[in-house]
C-alpha atoms as a PDB file:
ATOM      1  CA  UNK A   1      29.479 103.749 157.222  1.00  0.00           C
ATOM      2  CA  UNK A   2      32.667 102.700 156.018  1.00  0.00           C
ATOM      3  CA  UNK A   3      32.481 105.334 153.080  1.00  0.00           C
ATOM      4  CA  UNK A   4      31.286 108.030 154.975  1.00  0.00           C
ATOM      5  CA  UNK A   5      34.461 107.533 157.495  1.00  0.00           C
ATOM      6  CA  UNK A   6      36.838 107.384 154.768  1.00  0.00           C
ATOM      7  CA  UNK A   7      35.537 110.655 153.169  1.00  0.00           C
ATOM      8  CA  UNK A   8      35.623 112.386 156.538  1.00  0.00           C
ATOM      9  CA  UNK A   9      38.898 111.310 157.493  1.00  0.00           C
ATOM     10  CA  UNK A  10      40.160 112.063 153.837  1.00  0.00           C
ATOM     11  CA  UNK A  11      38.617 115.645 154.533  1.00  0.00           C
ATOM     12  CA  UNK A  12      40.405 115.900 157.770  1.00  0.00           C
ATOM     13  CA  UNK A  13      43.538 115.237 155.892  1.00  0.00           C
ATOM     14  CA  UNK A  14      43.121 117.750 153.056  1.00  0.00           C
ATOM     15  CA  UNK A  15      41.792 120.575 155.385  1.00  0.00           C
ATOM     16  CA  UNK A  16      45.038 120.038 157.736  1.00  0.00           C
ATOM     17  CA  UNK A  17      47.407 120.000 154.625  1.00  0.00           C
ATOM     18  CA  UNK A  18      46.005 123.203 153.617  1.00  0.00           C
ATOM     19  CA  UNK A  19      46.527 124.814 156.825  1.00  0.00           C
ATOM     20  CA  UNK A  20      49.992 123.466 157.447  1.00  0.00           C
ATOM     21  CA  UNK A  21      51.059 125.476 154.082  1.00  0.00           C
ATOM     22  CA  UNK A  22      49.837 128.722 155.639  1.00  0.00           C
ATOM     23  CA  UNK A  23      51.964 127.997 158.725  1.00  0.00           C
ATOM     24  CA  UNK A  24      55.436 129.071 156.524  1.00  0.00           C
ATOM     25  CA  UNK A  25      57.582 126.746 158.798  1.00  0.00           C
ATOM     26  CA  UNK A  26      59.646 123.669 157.533  1.00  0.00           C
ATOM     27  CA  UNK A  27      57.951 121.347 160.199  1.00  0.00           C
ATOM     28  CA  UNK A  28      54.487 122.281 158.699  1.00  0.00           C
ATOM     29  CA  UNK A  29      55.649 121.903 155.275  1.00  0.00           C
ATOM     30  CA  UNK A  30      56.803 118.453 155.947  1.00  0.00           C
ATOM     31  CA  UNK A  31      53.422 117.467 157.446  1.00  0.00           C
ATOM     32  CA  UNK A  32      51.668 118.860 154.714  1.00  0.00           C
ATOM     33  CA  UNK A  33      53.721 116.835 152.224  1.00  0.00           C
ATOM     34  CA  UNK A  34      53.020 113.844 154.241  1.00  0.00           C
ATOM     35  CA  UNK A  35      49.145 114.313 154.672  1.00  0.00           C
ATOM     36  CA  UNK A  36      48.710 114.948 150.675  1.00  0.00           C
ATOM     37  CA  UNK A  37      49.433 111.504 149.406  1.00  0.00           C
ATOM     38  CA  UNK A  38      47.877 109.653 152.363  1.00  0.00           C
ATOM     39  CA  UNK A  39      44.593 111.956 151.454  1.00  0.00           C
ATOM     40  CA  UNK A  40      44.765 110.858 148.041  1.00  0.00           C
ATOM     41  CA  UNK A  41      44.811 107.264 148.967  1.00  0.00           C
ATOM     42  CA  UNK A  42      41.943 107.406 151.782  1.00  0.00           C
ATOM     43  CA  UNK A  43      39.455 109.168 149.220  1.00  0.00           C
ATOM     44  CA  UNK A  44      40.461 106.486 146.215  1.00  0.00           C
ATOM     45  CA  UNK A  45      39.422 103.708 149.224  1.00  0.00           C
ATOM     46  CA  UNK A  46      36.459 105.697 149.976  1.00  0.00           C
ATOM     47  CA  UNK A  47      35.147 105.878 146.165  1.00  0.00           C
ATOM     48  CA  UNK A  48      35.658 102.043 146.151  1.00  0.00           C
ATOM     49  CA  UNK A  49      33.340 101.312 149.238  1.00  0.00           C
ATOM     50  CA  UNK A  50      29.883 100.533 148.778  1.00  0.00           C
ATOM     51  CA  UNK A  51      27.485 103.587 149.224  1.00  0.00           C
ATOM     52  CA  UNK A  52      25.664 104.144 152.421  1.00  0.00           C
ATOM     53  CA  UNK A  53      21.739 103.069 152.506  1.00  0.00           C
ATOM     54  CA  UNK A  54      21.224 105.743 155.074  1.00  0.00           C
ATOM     55  CA  UNK A  55      22.002 109.207 155.354  1.00  0.00           C
ATOM     56  CA  UNK A  56      21.956 109.616 159.173  1.00  0.00           C
ATOM     57  CA  UNK A  57      24.665 107.027 159.188  1.00  0.00           C
ATOM     58  CA  UNK A  58      26.304 108.987 156.252  1.00  0.00           C
ATOM     59  CA  UNK A  59      26.536 112.083 158.113  1.00  0.00           C
ATOM     60  CA  UNK A  60      27.561 110.669 161.524  1.00  0.00           C
ATOM     61  CA  UNK A  61      30.050 108.143 159.663  1.00  0.00           C
ATOM     62  CA  UNK A  62      31.683 111.318 158.211  1.00  0.00           C
ATOM     63  CA  UNK A  63      31.912 113.391 161.641  1.00  0.00           C
ATOM     64  CA  UNK A  64      33.377 110.502 163.229  1.00  0.00           C
ATOM     65  CA  UNK A  65      35.700 110.355 160.557  1.00  0.00           C
ATOM     66  CA  UNK A  66      36.589 114.140 160.651  1.00  0.00           C
ATOM     67  CA  UNK A  67      36.966 114.282 164.292  1.00  0.00           C
ATOM     68  CA  UNK A  68      38.789 110.704 164.836  1.00  0.00           C
ATOM     69  CA  UNK A  69      42.291 112.269 164.868  1.00  0.00           C
ATOM     70  CA  UNK A  70      41.349 115.050 167.495  1.00  0.00           C
ATOM     71  CA  UNK A  71      39.623 112.405 169.763  1.00  0.00           C
ATOM     72  CA  UNK A  72      42.805 110.037 169.617  1.00  0.00           C
ATOM     73  CA  UNK A  73      44.934 113.020 170.303  1.00  0.00           C
ATOM     74  CA  UNK A  74      42.970 114.232 173.192  1.00  0.00           C
ATOM     75  CA  UNK A  75      42.735 110.748 174.662  1.00  0.00           C
ATOM     76  CA  UNK A  76      46.712 110.567 174.690  1.00  0.00           C
ATOM     77  CA  UNK A  77      46.862 114.004 176.516  1.00  0.00           C
ATOM     78  CA  UNK A  78      44.484 112.266 179.185  1.00  0.00           C
ATOM     79  CA  UNK A  79      46.255 109.629 179.474  1.00  0.00           C
ATOM     80  CA  UNK A  80      49.495 111.493 179.928  1.00  0.00           C
ATOM     81  CA  UNK A  81      47.709 113.747 182.616  1.00  0.00           C
ATOM     82  CA  UNK A  82      46.342 110.640 184.669  1.00  0.00           C
ATOM     83  CA  UNK A  83      50.059 108.727 184.545  1.00  0.00           C
ATOM     84  CA  UNK A  84      51.864 112.244 185.761  1.00  0.00           C
ATOM     85  CA  UNK A  85      49.332 112.905 188.490  1.00  0.00           C
ATOM     86  CA  UNK A  86      50.559 112.598 191.837  1.00  0.00           C
END
């Protein structure tokens, strides 16, 4: 499942870098330049990881890796709302 998770995370970073390049703003360009080398490192680590024995674990791991950044962002926003509630 580690291999699938890393491939999902790498896919998220690649898609995020491509999306950031089309925004035509300096902040997004910097973000894309940060995401590109990180995605290369993550994909190389995924290629070194042992293959998945179960297709279900592979699909679940890829989805988990692809969505993990969004889940963390939502959790931080939720904690912020809870902390600032009267």
